[in-house]
C-alpha atoms as a PDB file:
ATOM      1  CA  MET A   1      -2.978  12.052 -11.507  1.00  0.00           C
ATOM      2  CA  SER A   2      -5.745   9.653 -14.201  1.00  0.00           C
ATOM      3  CA  LYS A   3      -8.665   8.583 -12.670  1.00  0.00           C
ATOM      4  CA  ALA A   4      -7.464   5.258 -11.886  1.00  0.00           C
ATOM      5  CA  ALA A   5      -5.396   6.480  -9.680  1.00  0.00           C
ATOM      6  CA  ALA A   6      -7.349   9.343  -8.201  1.00  0.00           C
ATOM      7  CA  GLY A   7      -9.777   5.780  -7.666  1.00  0.00           C
ATOM      8  CA  ALA A   8      -7.396   3.183  -6.183  1.00  0.00           C
ATOM      9  CA  VAL A   9      -5.477   5.725  -3.496  1.00  0.00           C
ATOM     10  CA  ILE A  10      -9.334   7.030  -2.550  1.00  0.00           C
ATOM     11  CA  ALA A  11      -9.604   3.137  -2.452  1.00  0.00           C
ATOM     12  CA  MET A  12      -5.849   2.312  -0.136  1.00  0.00           C
ATOM     13  CA  PHE A  13      -7.241   5.078   2.726  1.00  0.00           C
ATOM     14  CA  SER A  14     -11.098   3.662   2.218  1.00  0.00           C
ATOM     15  CA  VAL A  15      -9.270   0.169   3.491  1.00  0.00           C
ATOM     16  CA  GLY A  16      -6.689   1.536   5.610  1.00  0.00           C
ATOM     17  CA  ALA A  17      -8.972   3.828   8.261  1.00  0.00           C
ATOM     18  CA  GLY A  18     -11.864   0.061   8.292  1.00  0.00           C
ATOM     19  CA  VAL A  19      -8.450  -2.011   9.108  1.00  0.00           C
ATOM     20  CA  MET A  20      -7.262   1.177  11.397  1.00  0.00           C
ATOM     21  CA  THR A  21     -11.018   1.191  12.688  1.00  0.00           C
ATOM     22  CA  MET A  22     -11.435  -3.147  13.165  1.00  0.00           C
ATOM     23  CA  LEU A  23      -7.488  -3.342  14.474  1.00  0.00           C
ATOM     24  CA  GLY A  24      -8.460  -0.573  17.253  1.00  0.00           C
ATOM     25  CA  SER A  25      -9.573  -3.572  19.951  1.00  0.00           C
ATOM     26  CA  VAL A  26      -7.278  -5.655  18.801  1.00  0.00           C
ATOM     27  CA  LEU A  27      -3.840  -3.997  18.661  1.00  0.00           C
ATOM     28  CA  GLY A  28      -4.963  -1.095  20.732  1.00  0.00           C
ATOM     29  CA  ALA A  29      -1.797   0.816  20.408  1.00  0.00           C
ATOM     30  CA  TYR A  30       0.384  -0.772  18.085  1.00  0.00           C
ATOM     31  CA  ALA A  31      -2.841  -0.049  15.622  1.00  0.00           C
ATOM     32  CA  GLU A  32      -1.555   3.122  13.935  1.00  0.00           C
ATOM     33  CA  PRO A  33       1.611   1.094  12.695  1.00  0.00           C
ATOM     34  CA  ALA A  34      -0.313  -1.782  11.151  1.00  0.00           C
ATOM     35  CA  THR A  35      -2.555   0.547   9.388  1.00  0.00           C
ATOM     36  CA  VAL A  36       0.179   2.822   8.241  1.00  0.00           C
ATOM     37  CA  ALA A  37       2.044  -0.976   7.037  1.00  0.00           C
ATOM     38  CA  MET A  38      -1.326  -1.955   5.023  1.00  0.00           C
ATOM     39  CA  LEU A  39      -1.725   1.337   3.373  1.00  0.00           C
ATOM     40  CA  GLY A  40       1.953   1.264   1.982  1.00  0.00           C
ATOM     41  CA  ALA A  41       2.015  -2.138   1.367  1.00  0.00           C
ATOM     42  CA  GLY A  42      -1.912  -0.905  -0.953  1.00  0.00           C
ATOM     43  CA  LEU A  43      -0.503   1.999  -1.959  1.00  0.00           C
ATOM     44  CA  PHE A  44       2.851  -0.004  -3.418  1.00  0.00           C
ATOM     45  CA  ALA A  45       0.635  -2.993  -5.198  1.00  0.00           C
ATOM     46  CA  GLY A  46      -1.904  -0.289  -6.283  1.00  0.00           C
ATOM     47  CA  SER A  47       0.964   1.325  -8.047  1.00  0.00           C
ATOM     48  CA  SER A  48       2.295  -1.489  -9.803  1.00  0.00           C
ATOM     49  CA  ILE A  49      -1.011  -3.056 -10.923  1.00  0.00           C
ATOM     50  CA  LEU A  50      -1.685   0.447 -12.932  1.00  0.00           C
ATOM     51  CA  ASN A  51       2.102   0.767 -13.774  1.00  0.00           C
ATOM     52  CA  GLY A  52       1.995  -2.689 -15.337  1.00  0.00           C
ATOM     53  CA  ILE A  53       5.236  -4.535 -13.171  1.00  0.00           C
ATOM     54  CA  LYS A  54       8.609  -3.934 -14.118  1.00  0.00           C
ATOM     55  CA  ASP A  55      12.137  -4.270 -12.617  1.00  0.00           C
ATOM     56  CA  THR A  56      13.168  -1.310 -10.394  1.00  0.00           C
ATOM     57  CA  ALA A  57      16.281  -2.607  -9.735  1.00  0.00           C
ATOM     58  CA  SER A  58      19.160  -0.718 -11.069  1.00  0.00           C
ATOM     59  CA  ALA A  59      21.830  -1.724 -13.413  1.00  0.00           C
ATOM     60  CA  GLY A  60      24.590  -1.672 -11.017  1.00  0.00           C
ATOM     61  CA  VAL A  61      22.301  -3.801  -8.485  1.00  0.00           C
ATOM     62  CA  ALA A  62      22.441  -7.296  -8.743  1.00  0.00           C
ATOM     63  CA  LYS A  63      18.877  -9.074  -9.072  1.00  0.00           C
ATOM     64  CA  GLU A  64      18.026 -11.891  -6.289  1.00  0.00           C
ATOM     65  CA  ALA A  65      17.372 -15.458  -7.750  1.00  0.00           C
END
């Protein structure tokens, strides 16, 4: 794992922990699923940025317009 990728993962988990802390009083029991969703979106975005945005549809899958 490159240093940039490791830094991106650490940063996203730090952001996730901060978001969970802030949303704890607002969302109550739903703070954890909301945080996991935001963390997943952040990791996906970070991965796309580090790898360059590529089309992930396979050859047999129709692309959306």
